[in-house]
């Protein structure tokens, strides 16, 4: 799967290996806690991932946008637009394992795929997709991507469901040209982009009062 996906992970190993106490009182890394029973099957890959961090995507090479303290200059990052050659964006939101039906943690990460005319898939709290559809009117392409994971409140099960959907999309890519899906639905992706552009600060302030962090 990782050979088919252009990905980056800029967090340093000391962040990935940070240990915290899980619900059962046992100390585990955050990644191990989220993945639960599936961790053992991917533990060797996880160790490899930690060993190569920070890792840039293919289109982040050739320029620097992070200083020695790990602070990213987003003006440089977005000006270079490393997303421009990707049709599907797998979004890793800041919150994933915590569940609270009164709060949604929506950052710029959620809006990026819509701004860049991509199809979105979200590692986020449950009901995240439902929320952005209802409050921002954004099209998440449910006719192409199965977002059933969004309704799963158990974060470990949600994690597994998202991986299953990624694998399904990868297998489907052999039979369906995703670029043609994008081009034939350009009006929908364009409307998403315009929707993000038209989101004023007042829109988000109203949402914040409803529980967006």
Protein backbone atom coordinates (compact mmCIF):
# COMPACT_ATOMS: atom_id res chain seq x y z
CA UNK A 1 0.00 0.00 0.00
CA UNK A 2 2.72 2.48 0.95
CA UNK A 3 4.44 1.96 -2.40
CA UNK A 4 1.30 3.22 -4.14
CA UNK A 5 0.83 6.30 -1.96
CA UNK A 6 3.01 9.41 -2.02
CA UNK A 7 3.19 10.34 1.64
CA UNK A 8 5.17 12.42 4.06
CA UNK A 9 5.63 12.37 7.80
CA UNK A 10 7.55 15.29 9.17
CA UNK A 11 7.21 14.46 12.86
CA UNK A 12 10.47 13.57 14.48
CA UNK A 13 11.01 10.13 16.00
CA UNK A 14 10.84 11.51 19.54
CA UNK A 15 7.20 12.48 18.85
CA UNK A 16 6.27 9.15 17.29
CA UNK A 17 7.82 7.22 20.16
CA UNK A 18 6.26 9.36 22.90
CA UNK A 19 4.65 7.07 25.44
CA UNK A 20 1.28 7.69 27.07
CA UNK A 21 -1.00 5.67 29.32
CA UNK A 22 -3.83 3.88 27.47
CA UNK A 23 -7.36 3.25 28.75
CA UNK A 24 -6.26 -0.04 30.30
CA UNK A 25 -3.51 1.69 32.28
CA UNK A 26 -0.65 0.27 30.20
CA UNK A 27 2.00 2.59 28.78
CA UNK A 28 2.05 2.52 24.96
CA UNK A 29 3.08 4.77 22.11
CA UNK A 30 0.23 6.87 20.76
CA UNK A 31 0.31 4.99 17.46
CA UNK A 32 0.10 1.63 19.23
CA UNK A 33 -2.84 2.82 21.34
CA UNK A 34 -4.82 3.98 18.30
CA UNK A 35 -4.21 0.88 16.20
CA UNK A 36 -4.98 -1.50 19.07
CA UNK A 37 -4.99 -5.19 18.17
CA UNK A 38 -3.77 -4.48 14.64
CA UNK A 39 -0.47 -3.04 15.86
CA UNK A 40 1.43 -6.34 16.02
CA UNK A 41 0.78 -7.02 12.34
CA UNK A 42 2.31 -3.68 11.33
CA UNK A 43 4.87 -3.25 14.11
CA UNK A 44 7.89 -3.91 11.86
CA UNK A 45 6.69 -1.33 9.35
CA UNK A 46 6.05 1.14 12.16
CA UNK A 47 9.63 0.73 13.36
CA UNK A 48 10.85 1.38 9.81
CA UNK A 49 8.65 4.48 9.57
CA UNK A 50 10.11 5.85 12.81
CA UNK A 51 13.65 5.20 11.60
CA UNK A 52 13.25 7.29 8.43
CA UNK A 53 11.44 10.31 9.87
CA UNK A 54 11.24 13.02 8.85
CA UNK A 55 10.11 11.76 5.45
CA UNK A 56 9.10 14.06 2.59
CA UNK A 57 6.76 13.24 -0.26
CA UNK A 58 8.03 13.22 -3.83
CA UNK A 59 6.81 16.77 -4.38
CA UNK A 60 8.23 18.18 -1.15
CA UNK A 61 11.77 17.42 -2.22
CA UNK A 62 14.10 20.16 -3.38
CA UNK A 63 13.08 22.86 -0.92
CA UNK A 64 12.98 23.40 2.84
CA UNK A 65 9.94 24.62 4.73
CA UNK A 66 10.77 23.44 8.27
CA UNK A 67 13.38 24.90 10.60
CA UNK A 68 15.59 23.04 13.07
CA UNK A 69 12.91 23.35 15.76
CA UNK A 70 10.29 21.63 13.63
CA UNK A 71 8.35 24.82 12.86
CA UNK A 72 6.85 24.79 9.36
CA UNK A 73 6.67 27.91 7.19
CA UNK A 74 3.27 27.32 5.61
CA UNK A 75 3.67 30.22 3.18
CA UNK A 76 6.48 28.29 1.48
CA UNK A 77 4.67 24.97 1.82
CA UNK A 78 1.39 26.00 0.18
CA UNK A 79 3.09 28.14 -2.45
CA UNK A 80 4.93 25.02 -3.66
CA UNK A 81 1.67 23.00 -3.50
CA UNK A 82 2.85 19.41 -3.00
CA UNK A 83 -0.76 18.26 -3.53
CA UNK A 84 -1.01 19.17 -7.21
CA UNK A 85 -0.27 15.69 -8.58
CA UNK A 86 -2.62 13.77 -6.27
CA UNK A 87 -6.26 12.98 -6.96
CA UNK A 88 -7.14 11.56 -3.54
CA UNK A 89 -6.03 13.24 -0.32
CA UNK A 90 -5.84 11.08 2.83
CA UNK A 91 -6.25 13.71 5.53
CA UNK A 92 -4.74 13.15 8.98
CA UNK A 93 -6.59 15.57 11.24
CA UNK A 94 -5.13 16.70 14.55
CA UNK A 95 -7.69 14.69 16.53
CA UNK A 96 -8.55 11.08 15.80
CA UNK A 97 -8.81 8.88 18.89
CA UNK A 98 -10.85 11.17 21.13
CA UNK A 99 -14.62 11.04 20.68
CA UNK A 100 -17.00 13.75 21.83
CA UNK A 101 -20.34 14.20 20.08
CA UNK A 102 -20.40 17.90 20.98
CA UNK A 103 -17.07 18.87 19.42
CA UNK A 104 -15.43 18.71 16.01
CA UNK A 105 -11.75 19.49 15.55
CA UNK A 106 -11.58 21.03 12.07
CA UNK A 107 -8.32 22.60 10.92
CA UNK A 108 -6.86 23.67 7.58
CA UNK A 109 -6.02 20.00 6.98
CA UNK A 110 -9.70 19.25 6.38
CA UNK A 111 -10.09 22.07 3.84
CA UNK A 112 -6.96 21.35 1.79
CA UNK A 113 -8.40 18.58 -0.46
CA UNK A 114 -11.40 20.74 -1.33
CA UNK A 115 -9.23 23.76 -2.08
CA UNK A 116 -6.99 21.71 -4.38
CA UNK A 117 -9.87 19.93 -6.20
CA UNK A 118 -9.14 16.51 -4.67
CA UNK A 119 -11.27 13.64 -3.35
CA UNK A 120 -11.07 13.47 0.47
CA UNK A 121 -10.67 10.65 2.97
CA UNK A 122 -10.37 11.53 6.66
CA UNK A 123 -8.54 10.13 9.66
CA UNK A 124 -10.55 12.21 12.14
CA UNK A 125 -13.11 12.04 14.92
CA UNK A 126 -16.39 10.30 14.13
CA UNK A 127 -19.08 12.38 12.40
CA UNK A 128 -16.35 14.62 10.98
CA UNK A 129 -17.46 14.03 7.37
CA UNK A 130 -21.13 14.46 8.27
CA UNK A 131 -20.34 17.76 9.98
CA UNK A 132 -18.48 19.35 7.07
CA UNK A 133 -21.22 18.26 4.66
CA UNK A 134 -23.98 19.78 6.77
CA UNK A 135 -22.22 22.95 7.92
CA UNK A 136 -20.05 23.84 4.92
CA UNK A 137 -21.97 22.20 2.07
CA UNK A 138 -18.84 20.46 0.77
CA UNK A 139 -19.10 17.47 -1.58
CA UNK A 140 -17.19 14.45 -0.23
CA UNK A 141 -17.92 12.28 -3.30
CA UNK A 142 -19.89 9.60 -1.50
CA UNK A 143 -20.67 8.02 -4.87
CA UNK A 144 -16.97 7.20 -5.24
CA UNK A 145 -15.61 7.00 -1.67
CA UNK A 146 -17.27 4.98 1.08
CA UNK A 147 -17.34 7.20 4.17
CA UNK A 148 -19.16 4.70 6.40
CA UNK A 149 -16.15 4.82 8.74
CA UNK A 150 -17.28 8.31 9.74
CA UNK A 151 -20.20 6.95 11.81
CA UNK A 152 -18.04 4.52 13.78
CA UNK A 153 -17.49 5.86 17.32
CA UNK A 154 -14.87 3.23 18.27
CA UNK A 155 -11.65 4.83 17.05
CA UNK A 156 -9.78 1.56 16.60
CA UNK A 157 -12.57 0.13 14.46
CA UNK A 158 -12.77 3.42 12.54
CA UNK A 159 -9.02 3.21 11.89
CA UNK A 160 -9.44 -0.29 10.46
CA UNK A 161 -12.40 0.75 8.29
CA UNK A 162 -10.44 3.65 6.79
CA UNK A 163 -7.58 1.32 5.88
CA UNK A 164 -10.07 -1.04 4.23
CA UNK A 165 -11.42 1.81 2.13
CA UNK A 166 -7.92 2.89 1.10
CA UNK A 167 -7.18 -0.67 -0.02
CA UNK A 168 -10.46 -0.78 -1.95
CA UNK A 169 -9.63 2.47 -3.73
CA UNK A 170 -6.17 1.20 -4.62
CA UNK A 171 -7.60 -1.99 -6.12
CA UNK A 172 -10.27 -0.02 -7.94
CA UNK A 173 -7.63 2.24 -9.43
CA UNK A 174 -6.55 -0.69 -11.61
CA UNK A 175 -9.95 -0.67 -13.34
CA UNK A 176 -11.04 2.96 -13.11
CA UNK A 177 -8.93 5.94 -14.12
CA UNK A 178 -9.27 8.26 -11.13
CA UNK A 179 -8.15 11.20 -13.21
CA UNK A 180 -11.20 10.68 -15.41
CA UNK A 181 -13.41 10.66 -12.31
CA UNK A 182 -11.95 14.05 -11.41
CA UNK A 183 -12.24 15.53 -14.90
CA UNK A 184 -15.76 14.26 -15.51
CA UNK A 185 -16.85 15.78 -12.20
CA UNK A 186 -14.89 19.00 -12.51
CA UNK A 187 -17.90 21.16 -11.66
CA UNK A 188 -18.19 19.40 -8.29
CA UNK A 189 -14.52 19.80 -7.37
CA UNK A 190 -14.62 23.39 -8.63
CA UNK A 191 -17.62 24.14 -6.42
CA UNK A 192 -15.74 22.68 -3.47
CA UNK A 193 -12.79 24.94 -4.17
CA UNK A 194 -15.02 27.97 -4.44
CA UNK A 195 -16.80 26.93 -1.26
CA UNK A 196 -13.55 26.96 0.68
CA UNK A 197 -12.54 30.27 -0.88
CA UNK A 198 -15.85 31.78 0.12
CA UNK A 199 -15.61 30.64 3.73
CA UNK A 200 -15.21 33.88 5.64
CA UNK A 201 -13.79 34.09 9.13
CA UNK A 202 -17.32 34.77 10.39
CA UNK A 203 -18.43 31.36 9.07
CA UNK A 204 -15.83 29.63 11.17
CA UNK A 205 -16.49 31.78 14.21
CA UNK A 206 -20.14 30.76 14.14
CA UNK A 207 -19.07 27.14 13.87
CA UNK A 208 -16.64 27.54 16.75
CA UNK A 209 -19.49 28.56 19.01
CA UNK A 210 -21.13 25.26 18.10
CA UNK A 211 -18.13 23.31 19.23
CA UNK A 212 -15.46 23.39 16.51
CA UNK A 213 -12.06 23.43 18.17
